[in-house]
Amino acid sequence: MFFDLLKKRRSIRRFTDQPIEKEKIDGLMKAALLSPSSRGIRPWEFVVVDDRETLTALSQCKPHGASFLKSAALGIAVVADPSGSDVWVEDASIASVYLLLAAEAQGLGACWSQIRKRNYNEETSSADRVAELLGLPTGYAVEAIIAVGYPAEEKRSYTDNDLKWEKVHYNRYGQKEPS
């Protein structure tokens, strides 16, 4: 069942107008809060956005790769206080993946929009723009925004033929068989 979920999960960038039920939003947040974290620090926090005006503004937080937020029912900003953990990026990334998988498990579509190390314009980073839009505390960082909604597009599941086994090495790079 787990591998079927992994094969089925694809980045969905087009959504219907159907709102997401509170129980499913709670399920998404439960998954994020259950994500592993180095030393159990859990530096991440999540801002769930369902306000249309804010989603539209977030969809413009970088020149490319965020426009689909405008049509999503939700945007979930994955943020953290970097002063609380030296591996906040990794922890926030893991939480983001848990959100993507939880969306798929509940019949929702989702797509990651990278915010960290992206620019809103020549003077402002995407993270600073998102922090301003969401009223984040000073010093907080934004890893990503996960767009979530009911899919308005279908994508084929991955198959075993899509797996790139040549990228697997055993014991040393280039060794293609286990000992």
N, C-alpha and C. Protein backbone atom coordinates (compact mmCIF):
# COMPACT_ATOMS: atom_id res chain seq x y z
N MET A 1 0.83 -1.18 0.00
CA MET A 1 0.00 0.00 0.00
C MET A 1 0.89 1.27 0.00
N PHE A 2 1.96 1.26 0.78
CA PHE A 2 2.85 2.42 0.85
C PHE A 2 3.49 2.69 -0.51
N PHE A 3 3.99 1.66 -1.17
CA PHE A 3 4.63 1.85 -2.47
C PHE A 3 3.63 2.27 -3.53
N ASP A 4 2.39 1.83 -3.43
CA ASP A 4 1.34 2.30 -4.34
C ASP A 4 1.12 3.80 -4.17
N LEU A 5 1.12 4.26 -2.92
CA LEU A 5 0.97 5.68 -2.63
C LEU A 5 2.13 6.47 -3.24
N LEU A 6 3.35 5.98 -3.08
CA LEU A 6 4.51 6.66 -3.64
C LEU A 6 4.45 6.73 -5.16
N LYS A 7 4.01 5.64 -5.78
CA LYS A 7 3.91 5.62 -7.24
C LYS A 7 2.82 6.56 -7.75
N LYS A 8 1.75 6.68 -7.00
CA LYS A 8 0.61 7.48 -7.43
C LYS A 8 0.84 8.98 -7.22
N ARG A 9 1.59 9.36 -6.20
CA ARG A 9 1.78 10.77 -5.86
C ARG A 9 2.55 11.49 -6.96
N ARG A 10 1.94 12.51 -7.49
CA ARG A 10 2.53 13.34 -8.53
C ARG A 10 2.28 14.81 -8.17
N SER A 11 3.07 15.68 -8.72
CA SER A 11 2.87 17.11 -8.49
C SER A 11 1.65 17.57 -9.28
N ILE A 12 0.65 18.03 -8.55
CA ILE A 12 -0.59 18.54 -9.14
C ILE A 12 -0.57 20.06 -9.07
N ARG A 13 -0.77 20.69 -10.21
CA ARG A 13 -0.70 22.15 -10.29
C ARG A 13 -2.02 22.79 -10.73
N ARG A 14 -3.03 21.97 -10.97
CA ARG A 14 -4.36 22.49 -11.33
C ARG A 14 -5.37 21.88 -10.37
N PHE A 15 -6.23 22.74 -9.84
CA PHE A 15 -7.15 22.33 -8.80
C PHE A 15 -8.58 22.74 -9.13
N THR A 16 -9.54 22.00 -8.58
CA THR A 16 -10.94 22.38 -8.71
C THR A 16 -11.25 23.47 -7.69
N ASP A 17 -12.47 23.97 -7.71
CA ASP A 17 -12.90 24.99 -6.75
C ASP A 17 -13.40 24.40 -5.43
N GLN A 18 -13.42 23.08 -5.34
CA GLN A 18 -13.98 22.41 -4.15
C GLN A 18 -13.14 22.71 -2.91
N PRO A 19 -13.77 23.20 -1.85
CA PRO A 19 -13.03 23.43 -0.60
C PRO A 19 -12.63 22.10 0.05
N ILE A 20 -11.61 22.15 0.86
CA ILE A 20 -11.13 20.96 1.56
C ILE A 20 -11.79 20.90 2.93
N GLU A 21 -12.31 19.73 3.25
CA GLU A 21 -12.99 19.53 4.52
C GLU A 21 -12.01 19.68 5.69
N LYS A 22 -12.55 20.18 6.81
CA LYS A 22 -11.75 20.40 8.02
C LYS A 22 -11.03 19.13 8.46
N GLU A 23 -11.69 17.97 8.34
CA GLU A 23 -11.07 16.71 8.76
C GLU A 23 -9.83 16.41 7.93
N LYS A 24 -9.88 16.75 6.65
CA LYS A 24 -8.72 16.50 5.79
C LYS A 24 -7.60 17.49 6.08
N ILE A 25 -7.95 18.73 6.38
CA ILE A 25 -6.93 19.71 6.78
C ILE A 25 -6.27 19.24 8.07
N ASP A 26 -7.07 18.79 9.02
CA ASP A 26 -6.52 18.26 10.27
C ASP A 26 -5.60 17.07 10.00
N GLY A 27 -5.98 16.22 9.04
CA GLY A 27 -5.14 15.08 8.68
C GLY A 27 -3.80 15.53 8.10
N LEU A 28 -3.83 16.55 7.28
CA LEU A 28 -2.59 17.10 6.72
C LEU A 28 -1.68 17.61 7.84
N MET A 29 -2.28 18.35 8.76
CA MET A 29 -1.46 18.93 9.83
C MET A 29 -0.96 17.86 10.79
N LYS A 30 -1.76 16.86 11.02
CA LYS A 30 -1.32 15.75 11.87
C LYS A 30 -0.10 15.07 11.26
N ALA A 31 -0.14 14.84 9.96
CA ALA A 31 1.01 14.23 9.27
C ALA A 31 2.25 15.11 9.41
N ALA A 32 2.10 16.41 9.20
CA ALA A 32 3.24 17.32 9.31
C ALA A 32 3.81 17.30 10.74
N LEU A 33 2.92 17.31 11.71
CA LEU A 33 3.37 17.33 13.11
C LEU A 33 4.00 16.00 13.53
N LEU A 34 3.71 14.93 12.80
CA LEU A 34 4.31 13.62 13.09
C LEU A 34 5.63 13.41 12.35
N SER A 35 6.03 14.35 11.52
CA SER A 35 7.25 14.16 10.74
C SER A 35 8.48 14.13 11.65
N PRO A 36 9.46 13.31 11.27
CA PRO A 36 10.66 13.22 12.10
C PRO A 36 11.46 14.52 12.09
N SER A 37 12.20 14.71 13.16
CA SER A 37 12.98 15.93 13.32
C SER A 37 14.26 15.57 14.07
N SER A 38 15.35 16.14 13.62
CA SER A 38 16.64 15.88 14.25
C SER A 38 16.59 16.24 15.74
N ARG A 39 16.98 15.29 16.54
CA ARG A 39 17.03 15.45 18.00
C ARG A 39 15.67 15.83 18.59
N GLY A 40 14.61 15.62 17.84
CA GLY A 40 13.26 15.92 18.32
C GLY A 40 13.02 17.40 18.56
N ILE A 41 13.79 18.27 17.93
CA ILE A 41 13.67 19.71 18.16
C ILE A 41 12.39 20.28 17.55
N ARG A 42 11.99 19.74 16.40
CA ARG A 42 10.78 20.20 15.71
C ARG A 42 10.77 21.72 15.52
N PRO A 43 11.72 22.24 14.75
CA PRO A 43 11.81 23.69 14.58
C PRO A 43 10.75 24.27 13.66
N TRP A 44 10.02 23.41 12.95
CA TRP A 44 9.06 23.86 11.96
C TRP A 44 7.77 24.35 12.59
N GLU A 45 7.11 25.20 11.85
CA GLU A 45 5.74 25.62 12.13
C GLU A 45 5.05 25.73 10.78
N PHE A 46 3.73 25.79 10.80
CA PHE A 46 2.97 25.75 9.56
C PHE A 46 1.92 26.84 9.57
N VAL A 47 1.81 27.54 8.46
CA VAL A 47 0.77 28.56 8.31
C VAL A 47 -0.15 28.06 7.20
N VAL A 48 -1.38 27.72 7.59
CA VAL A 48 -2.37 27.20 6.65
C VAL A 48 -3.17 28.39 6.11
N VAL A 49 -3.12 28.57 4.80
CA VAL A 49 -3.77 29.72 4.17
C VAL A 49 -4.90 29.23 3.28
N ASP A 50 -6.12 29.73 3.55
CA ASP A 50 -7.24 29.44 2.66
C ASP A 50 -7.90 30.72 2.14
N ASP A 51 -7.36 31.86 2.50
CA ASP A 51 -7.86 33.15 2.06
C ASP A 51 -7.45 33.37 0.60
N ARG A 52 -8.41 33.58 -0.28
CA ARG A 52 -8.16 33.70 -1.72
C ARG A 52 -7.18 34.83 -2.05
N GLU A 53 -7.37 35.97 -1.40
CA GLU A 53 -6.50 37.12 -1.66
C GLU A 53 -5.04 36.81 -1.28
N THR A 54 -4.87 36.15 -0.15
CA THR A 54 -3.51 35.80 0.29
C THR A 54 -2.90 34.74 -0.62
N LEU A 55 -3.71 33.75 -1.03
CA LEU A 55 -3.20 32.74 -1.95
C LEU A 55 -2.76 33.37 -3.28
N THR A 56 -3.52 34.35 -3.75
CA THR A 56 -3.15 35.04 -4.98
C THR A 56 -1.83 35.78 -4.80
N ALA A 57 -1.67 36.46 -3.68
CA ALA A 57 -0.41 37.17 -3.41
C ALA A 57 0.75 36.18 -3.28
N LEU A 58 0.53 35.06 -2.62
CA LEU A 58 1.58 34.04 -2.49
C LEU A 58 1.96 33.46 -3.85
N SER A 59 0.99 33.36 -4.74
CA SER A 59 1.26 32.80 -6.08
C SER A 59 2.21 33.69 -6.88
N GLN A 60 2.42 34.91 -6.40
CA GLN A 60 3.30 35.86 -7.09
C GLN A 60 4.60 36.09 -6.32
N CYS A 61 4.91 35.20 -5.37
CA CYS A 61 6.08 35.41 -4.51
C CYS A 61 7.41 35.13 -5.20
N LYS A 62 7.36 34.60 -6.40
CA LYS A 62 8.57 34.40 -7.22
C LYS A 62 8.14 34.35 -8.68
N PRO A 63 9.04 34.65 -9.60
CA PRO A 63 8.65 34.74 -11.01
C PRO A 63 8.12 33.44 -11.60
N HIS A 64 8.63 32.29 -11.15
CA HIS A 64 8.23 31.00 -11.73
C HIS A 64 8.02 29.99 -10.61
N GLY A 65 7.07 29.09 -10.80
CA GLY A 65 6.92 27.96 -9.90
C GLY A 65 6.06 28.18 -8.68
N ALA A 66 5.22 29.21 -8.69
CA ALA A 66 4.30 29.41 -7.58
C ALA A 66 2.90 29.78 -8.05
N SER A 67 2.72 30.00 -9.35
CA SER A 67 1.44 30.48 -9.86
C SER A 67 0.28 29.56 -9.54
N PHE A 68 0.54 28.25 -9.40
CA PHE A 68 -0.53 27.30 -9.11
C PHE A 68 -1.15 27.51 -7.74
N LEU A 69 -0.50 28.25 -6.86
CA LEU A 69 -1.08 28.54 -5.54
C LEU A 69 -2.39 29.33 -5.67
N LYS A 70 -2.51 30.09 -6.74
CA LYS A 70 -3.70 30.93 -6.94
C LYS A 70 -4.97 30.10 -7.01
N SER A 71 -4.90 28.91 -7.60
CA SER A 71 -6.10 28.08 -7.75
C SER A 71 -6.22 26.99 -6.68
N ALA A 72 -5.25 26.89 -5.79
CA ALA A 72 -5.30 25.87 -4.74
C ALA A 72 -6.31 26.26 -3.67
N ALA A 73 -6.90 25.26 -3.04
CA ALA A 73 -7.81 25.52 -1.91
C ALA A 73 -7.03 25.96 -0.68
N LEU A 74 -5.80 25.44 -0.57
CA LEU A 74 -4.93 25.75 0.57
C LEU A 74 -3.51 25.97 0.10
N GLY A 75 -2.82 26.81 0.83
CA GLY A 75 -1.38 26.89 0.75
C GLY A 75 -0.88 26.66 2.16
N ILE A 76 0.05 25.75 2.33
CA ILE A 76 0.61 25.51 3.67
C ILE A 76 2.07 25.94 3.63
N ALA A 77 2.36 27.05 4.29
CA ALA A 77 3.74 27.53 4.38
C ALA A 77 4.46 26.74 5.46
N VAL A 78 5.59 26.19 5.09
CA VAL A 78 6.43 25.44 6.03
C VAL A 78 7.55 26.39 6.43
N VAL A 79 7.50 26.81 7.68
CA VAL A 79 8.43 27.84 8.18
C VAL A 79 9.16 27.30 9.40
N ALA A 80 10.23 28.00 9.77
CA ALA A 80 11.00 27.56 10.94
C ALA A 80 11.77 28.74 11.51
N ASP A 81 12.18 28.56 12.75
CA ASP A 81 13.08 29.50 13.40
C ASP A 81 14.48 28.89 13.30
N PRO A 82 15.32 29.38 12.39
CA PRO A 82 16.64 28.79 12.20
C PRO A 82 17.53 28.83 13.44
N SER A 83 17.25 29.73 14.37
CA SER A 83 18.08 29.80 15.58
C SER A 83 17.83 28.60 16.50
N GLY A 84 16.75 27.86 16.24
CA GLY A 84 16.41 26.73 17.08
C GLY A 84 17.04 25.42 16.66
N SER A 85 17.56 25.36 15.42
CA SER A 85 18.13 24.10 14.94
C SER A 85 19.05 24.36 13.76
N ASP A 86 20.19 23.70 13.76
CA ASP A 86 21.12 23.84 12.64
C ASP A 86 20.67 23.03 11.42
N VAL A 87 19.69 22.18 11.59
CA VAL A 87 19.18 21.36 10.48
C VAL A 87 17.70 21.65 10.21
N TRP A 88 17.31 22.89 10.39
CA TRP A 88 15.91 23.26 10.18
C TRP A 88 15.50 23.02 8.73
N VAL A 89 16.41 23.21 7.77
CA VAL A 89 16.07 23.01 6.36
C VAL A 89 15.67 21.56 6.12
N GLU A 90 16.46 20.64 6.66
CA GLU A 90 16.17 19.22 6.49
C GLU A 90 14.86 18.85 7.18
N ASP A 91 14.67 19.34 8.40
CA ASP A 91 13.44 19.03 9.14
C ASP A 91 12.21 19.59 8.43
N ALA A 92 12.30 20.82 7.92
CA ALA A 92 11.18 21.43 7.21
C ALA A 92 10.91 20.69 5.89
N SER A 93 11.97 20.22 5.24
CA SER A 93 11.80 19.46 4.00
C SER A 93 11.10 18.14 4.24
N ILE A 94 11.47 17.46 5.32
CA ILE A 94 10.81 16.19 5.65
C ILE A 94 9.32 16.44 5.94
N ALA A 95 9.03 17.48 6.70
CA ALA A 95 7.63 17.81 7.00
C ALA A 95 6.86 18.10 5.71
N SER A 96 7.52 18.76 4.77
CA SER A 96 6.88 19.06 3.48
C SER A 96 6.54 17.78 2.73
N VAL A 97 7.45 16.83 2.73
CA VAL A 97 7.19 15.56 2.06
C VAL A 97 6.03 14.83 2.74
N TYR A 98 5.98 14.87 4.06
CA TYR A 98 4.86 14.24 4.76
C TYR A 98 3.54 14.89 4.35
N LEU A 99 3.54 16.21 4.16
CA LEU A 99 2.32 16.89 3.71
C LEU A 99 1.92 16.41 2.32
N LEU A 100 2.89 16.29 1.42
CA LEU A 100 2.60 15.82 0.07
C LEU A 100 2.00 14.42 0.08
N LEU A 101 2.57 13.52 0.89
CA LEU A 101 2.07 12.15 0.96
C LEU A 101 0.70 12.09 1.63
N ALA A 102 0.49 12.89 2.67
CA ALA A 102 -0.80 12.91 3.35
C ALA A 102 -1.89 13.43 2.43
N ALA A 103 -1.56 14.41 1.60
CA ALA A 103 -2.53 14.92 0.62
C ALA A 103 -2.95 13.80 -0.32
N GLU A 104 -1.98 13.09 -0.87
CA GLU A 104 -2.28 11.99 -1.79
C GLU A 104 -3.11 10.91 -1.11
N ALA A 105 -2.77 10.57 0.12
CA ALA A 105 -3.48 9.52 0.85
C ALA A 105 -4.94 9.88 1.09
N GLN A 106 -5.25 11.19 1.08
CA GLN A 106 -6.62 11.64 1.34
C GLN A 106 -7.36 12.03 0.06
N GLY A 107 -6.79 11.67 -1.10
CA GLY A 107 -7.45 11.97 -2.36
C GLY A 107 -7.30 13.40 -2.82
N LEU A 108 -6.32 14.10 -2.28
CA LEU A 108 -6.05 15.48 -2.65
C LEU A 108 -4.83 15.54 -3.55
N GLY A 109 -4.70 16.63 -4.26
CA GLY A 109 -3.50 16.88 -5.04
C GLY A 109 -2.67 17.92 -4.33
N ALA A 110 -1.36 17.90 -4.59
CA ALA A 110 -0.48 18.86 -3.94
C ALA A 110 0.77 19.07 -4.77
N CYS A 111 1.41 20.22 -4.55
CA CYS A 111 2.66 20.52 -5.22
C CYS A 111 3.49 21.43 -4.32
N TRP A 112 4.78 21.14 -4.29
CA TRP A 112 5.75 21.91 -3.52
C TRP A 112 6.18 23.14 -4.31
N SER A 113 6.22 24.29 -3.66
CA SER A 113 6.80 25.48 -4.26
C SER A 113 7.98 25.89 -3.39
N GLN A 114 9.18 25.76 -3.94
CA GLN A 114 10.40 26.12 -3.22
C GLN A 114 10.41 27.62 -2.98
N ILE A 115 10.67 28.03 -1.75
CA ILE A 115 10.73 29.45 -1.42
C ILE A 115 12.15 29.85 -1.01
N ARG A 116 12.77 29.03 -0.19
CA ARG A 116 14.12 29.32 0.29
C ARG A 116 15.06 29.42 -0.90
N LYS A 117 15.89 30.44 -0.87
CA LYS A 117 16.89 30.69 -1.92
C LYS A 117 16.29 31.05 -3.27
N ARG A 118 15.07 31.59 -3.26
CA ARG A 118 14.44 32.10 -4.47
C ARG A 118 14.20 33.60 -4.28
N ASN A 119 13.98 34.31 -5.37
CA ASN A 119 13.81 35.76 -5.30
C ASN A 119 12.43 36.19 -5.79
N TYR A 120 11.86 37.14 -5.06
CA TYR A 120 10.62 37.78 -5.46
C TYR A 120 10.93 38.77 -6.59
N ASN A 121 11.95 39.56 -6.37
CA ASN A 121 12.45 40.48 -7.39
C ASN A 121 13.93 40.72 -7.10
N GLU A 122 14.55 41.69 -7.74
CA GLU A 122 15.99 41.91 -7.57
C GLU A 122 16.36 42.38 -6.18
N GLU A 123 15.43 42.97 -5.47
CA GLU A 123 15.73 43.51 -4.14
C GLU A 123 15.24 42.64 -2.99
N THR A 124 14.26 41.78 -3.23
CA THR A 124 13.58 41.06 -2.15
C THR A 124 13.57 39.56 -2.43
N SER A 125 13.90 38.79 -1.41
CA SER A 125 13.83 37.34 -1.55
C SER A 125 12.37 36.88 -1.47
N SER A 126 12.12 35.73 -2.03
CA SER A 126 10.78 35.14 -1.92
C SER A 126 10.42 34.91 -0.46
N ALA A 127 11.39 34.45 0.32
CA ALA A 127 11.13 34.19 1.74
C ALA A 127 10.73 35.45 2.48
N ASP A 128 11.40 36.57 2.19
CA ASP A 128 11.04 37.83 2.84
C ASP A 128 9.64 38.28 2.42
N ARG A 129 9.31 38.09 1.15
CA ARG A 129 7.97 38.46 0.68
C ARG A 129 6.90 37.62 1.35
N VAL A 130 7.13 36.30 1.45
CA VAL A 130 6.17 35.41 2.11
C VAL A 130 6.07 35.77 3.60
N ALA A 131 7.20 36.03 4.23
CA ALA A 131 7.19 36.41 5.66
C ALA A 131 6.35 37.66 5.88
N GLU A 132 6.48 38.62 4.97
CA GLU A 132 5.69 39.85 5.06
C GLU A 132 4.20 39.55 4.88
N LEU A 133 3.85 38.77 3.87
CA LEU A 133 2.45 38.45 3.60
C LEU A 133 1.79 37.69 4.75
N LEU A 134 2.56 36.81 5.40
CA LEU A 134 2.00 35.96 6.46
C LEU A 134 2.25 36.49 7.86
N GLY A 135 2.93 37.61 7.99
CA GLY A 135 3.17 38.19 9.30
C GLY A 135 4.06 37.32 10.19
N LEU A 136 5.08 36.70 9.60
CA LEU A 136 5.95 35.82 10.38
C LEU A 136 6.80 36.63 11.36
N PRO A 137 7.14 36.03 12.49
CA PRO A 137 8.03 36.72 13.43
C PRO A 137 9.39 36.99 12.79
N THR A 138 10.04 38.06 13.20
CA THR A 138 11.37 38.40 12.71
C THR A 138 12.31 37.22 12.93
N GLY A 139 13.08 36.92 11.91
CA GLY A 139 14.05 35.84 12.00
C GLY A 139 13.56 34.49 11.51
N TYR A 140 12.27 34.34 11.33
CA TYR A 140 11.75 33.07 10.82
C TYR A 140 12.09 32.93 9.34
N ALA A 141 12.27 31.69 8.92
CA ALA A 141 12.61 31.40 7.53
C ALA A 141 11.50 30.56 6.91
N VAL A 142 11.39 30.66 5.60
CA VAL A 142 10.37 29.90 4.86
C VAL A 142 11.09 28.90 3.97
N GLU A 143 10.78 27.63 4.15
CA GLU A 143 11.34 26.58 3.30
C GLU A 143 10.54 26.44 2.00
N ALA A 144 9.23 26.28 2.13
CA ALA A 144 8.39 25.99 0.98
C ALA A 144 6.94 26.34 1.30
N ILE A 145 6.15 26.38 0.25
CA ILE A 145 4.70 26.44 0.40
C ILE A 145 4.14 25.26 -0.37
N ILE A 146 3.29 24.49 0.29
CA ILE A 146 2.66 23.35 -0.34
C ILE A 146 1.26 23.76 -0.77
N ALA A 147 1.01 23.71 -2.08
CA ALA A 147 -0.33 23.98 -2.61
C ALA A 147 -1.13 22.69 -2.52
N VAL A 148 -2.37 22.78 -2.02
CA VAL A 148 -3.21 21.60 -1.83
C VAL A 148 -4.62 21.89 -2.33
N GLY A 149 -5.22 20.90 -2.96
CA GLY A 149 -6.60 21.03 -3.40
C GLY A 149 -7.06 19.75 -4.05
N TYR A 150 -8.29 19.75 -4.47
CA TYR A 150 -8.80 18.60 -5.23
C TYR A 150 -8.26 18.73 -6.66
N PRO A 151 -7.67 17.68 -7.19
CA PRO A 151 -7.02 17.76 -8.50
C PRO A 151 -8.00 18.04 -9.64
N ALA A 152 -7.56 18.93 -10.54
CA ALA A 152 -8.30 19.18 -11.78
C ALA A 152 -7.50 18.64 -12.95
N GLU A 153 -6.57 17.76 -12.66
CA GLU A 153 -5.78 17.10 -13.70
C GLU A 153 -5.43 15.70 -13.20
N GLU A 154 -5.21 14.82 -14.15
CA GLU A 154 -4.79 13.46 -13.80
C GLU A 154 -3.43 13.20 -14.41
N LYS A 155 -2.60 12.55 -13.65
CA LYS A 155 -1.29 12.16 -14.14
C LYS A 155 -1.13 10.67 -13.90
N ARG A 156 -0.45 10.02 -14.80
CA ARG A 156 -0.28 8.58 -14.65
C ARG A 156 0.63 8.29 -13.46
N SER A 157 0.39 7.18 -12.82
CA SER A 157 1.26 6.73 -11.73
C SER A 157 2.60 6.31 -12.30
N TYR A 158 3.61 6.40 -11.48
CA TYR A 158 4.91 5.85 -11.87
C TYR A 158 4.79 4.33 -11.91
N THR A 159 5.62 3.72 -12.73
CA THR A 159 5.69 2.26 -12.77
C THR A 159 7.11 1.85 -12.42
N ASP A 160 7.32 0.57 -12.24
CA ASP A 160 8.67 0.08 -11.97
C ASP A 160 9.62 0.43 -13.10
N ASN A 161 9.11 0.55 -14.31
CA ASN A 161 9.95 0.93 -15.45
C ASN A 161 10.48 2.35 -15.35
N ASP A 162 9.85 3.19 -14.54
CA ASP A 162 10.30 4.57 -14.35
C ASP A 162 11.45 4.68 -13.36
N LEU A 163 11.71 3.63 -12.61
CA LEU A 163 12.75 3.67 -11.58
C LEU A 163 14.13 3.64 -12.22
N LYS A 164 14.99 4.48 -11.76
CA LYS A 164 16.35 4.60 -12.31
C LYS A 164 17.33 3.84 -11.41
N TRP A 165 17.31 2.53 -11.55
CA TRP A 165 18.14 1.66 -10.72
C TRP A 165 19.63 1.94 -10.90
N GLU A 166 20.01 2.55 -12.00
CA GLU A 166 21.42 2.87 -12.22
C GLU A 166 21.95 3.89 -11.21
N LYS A 167 21.05 4.53 -10.49
CA LYS A 167 21.44 5.51 -9.47
C LYS A 167 21.67 4.87 -8.10
N VAL A 168 21.54 3.55 -8.02
CA VAL A 168 21.75 2.83 -6.76
C VAL A 168 23.14 2.20 -6.78
N HIS A 169 23.88 2.41 -5.72
CA HIS A 169 25.24 1.88 -5.59
C HIS A 169 25.33 1.15 -4.25
N TYR A 170 26.17 0.13 -4.19
CA TYR A 170 26.32 -0.67 -2.97
C TYR A 170 27.75 -0.58 -2.46
N ASN A 171 27.87 -0.17 -1.22
CA ASN A 171 29.14 -0.10 -0.49
C ASN A 171 30.10 0.96 -1.04
N ARG A 172 30.23 1.11 -2.33
CA ARG A 172 31.08 2.12 -2.95
C ARG A 172 30.40 2.60 -4.22
N TYR A 173 30.61 3.84 -4.55
CA TYR A 173 30.04 4.38 -5.78
C TYR A 173 30.50 3.53 -6.97
N GLY A 174 29.56 3.19 -7.81
CA GLY A 174 29.86 2.41 -9.01
C GLY A 174 29.66 0.92 -8.84
N GLN A 175 29.56 0.45 -7.60
CA GLN A 175 29.33 -0.98 -7.39
C GLN A 175 27.83 -1.24 -7.51
N LYS A 176 27.45 -2.09 -8.46
CA LYS A 176 26.04 -2.28 -8.80
C LYS A 176 25.38 -3.46 -8.13
N GLU A 177 26.12 -4.24 -7.38
CA GLU A 177 25.55 -5.40 -6.69
C GLU A 177 25.95 -5.36 -5.21
N PRO A 178 25.08 -5.81 -4.33
CA PRO A 178 25.48 -5.88 -2.91
C PRO A 178 26.55 -6.95 -2.71
N SER A 179 27.24 -6.85 -1.59
CA SER A 179 28.32 -7.83 -1.28
C SER A 179 27.78 -9.23 -1.15
